[in-house]
Amino acid sequence: IGQSLPFFVATPGLSRRGRDAAPCSMSAALPLKEAGDGKDFGSGYVKPAVLCLLLFQNSGTALLMPVALKQAGPGYNKQTGVIMQEFLKGMICLIVLGCRGRASEVCTSASVALKTAVPAVLYLITNNLQYENAKRLDSATFTVMYQLKILSTGMLSVLLLRKRIGCMQWLALLMLVAGASLLALSKVDRNSDGQEHIASDIVLGVLGVLAACSCSSLAGVYFELLLKGSSVSMAARNVQMAVYQCGMCVIAFALSGGSFSGFLNGYTPAIWAVVINNAIGGLVVAAVIKYADNILKNFATAMGIINTTIVSMVFLGAEVAPMALLGICFVVAAVLMYSGVCGDIVAWRNRPEVMKRSMIQLGQRESAEGAAVEV
């Protein structure tokens, strides 16, 4: 089980093939503080725990959000939900820092704190690009193209974090793109997009989606660099990120004509559950980026979609489209390929031949040594 599900039980690169060909540990690429004792800080139980938490959190979001939006009261504004979840995330981390006596770490240096503004601004640009270009493309094209952020994340991880990714792992990422696209397409309502798109809009939409993929990947990889390449704690970085995002969301809310007098209008227990779930999700994502990486985050997100599909089918009586089943197969195959399990299976099947060659080589070596002794 530990070798077949390395993303949730073990660390990537633990197999023979993974250690020799493409190690995924960041301790070899970055001068991490946690790697000073020669151990992989993300190994053991922390990495699989945060990946499993992200998997179930994504499933909870997919199941809670439709129910919450249906039960929302009059006057509810989605922008207020984003502001509240960022505020809650920041307060949780600030309380943790206060209990540890490290609250001053949030604003120790202006230059250090300003670095966190980079991913915050990139995420804001990504959200705006998604919103604008979703109107220029049909739903299916937009959904498939946005999955290219998986590949751009891998490329930026190689360029900025000096991560080594083997050929089999690149093939696994391509399969993950295909699987995630099929899973997303299975949920797209093709009849809801009846508008026609002109050629110029399509070109701008494609370029905009590619820009959104690049910004999203750059934000995640840069945030990973901040978390793993500096002595500032993850809680302090989360507080800084929450402050920036809350500020930008409040400005956007005010510019869109939102009323602060009715800020919490329409909030129901289901809406509060979504806010709390998303706030916890933000903390879990930061933990996954710190103790694992952005690539494994994409795998966990795809597995979360699979988990949501299975729960909907078993407990809610939802029908699963053949396209979704094909997507599940692609994602599972990508997980096995990226972890190096496929290489281990091939090596296990070829073990008798390998042992035979080893015995022949050992016999030849012993014969040569015996001949040398006789001489």
Foldseek 3Di string as FASTA:
>chain_A
DCLLQVQQRFAFLPDPCSVVAFPFQLVVQAVFPVCPVVDRPLGDHLRNVLLVVLLVLLLCLVVLVVVLVVQFFPPDDVLLLVLLLLVVLLVVLCVVCVVVVNNVLLPPDPVLLVLLVLLLVLVVLLVVLLVVLPVQDDPLVLLLLLLCLLVLLVVVCCVPSVGGADPLLSVLSVLLSLLSSLLSVQPDDNVVPPDDHDPVSVVVSSVSSVSSSNSNSVSQQSLLCSPGHDPRHLSSSSNSSSVSNSVVSVVVCVVVPHDPVCSPHRDDPSSVVSSNSVSVSVVSSSSNCHSGNPSSSSLSSSSSSVVSVVCCVPPVVDDDDPSNVVSVVSSSVSSSSRSCVVVVVVCVVCVVVVVVVVVVVVVVVVVVVVVVVVD
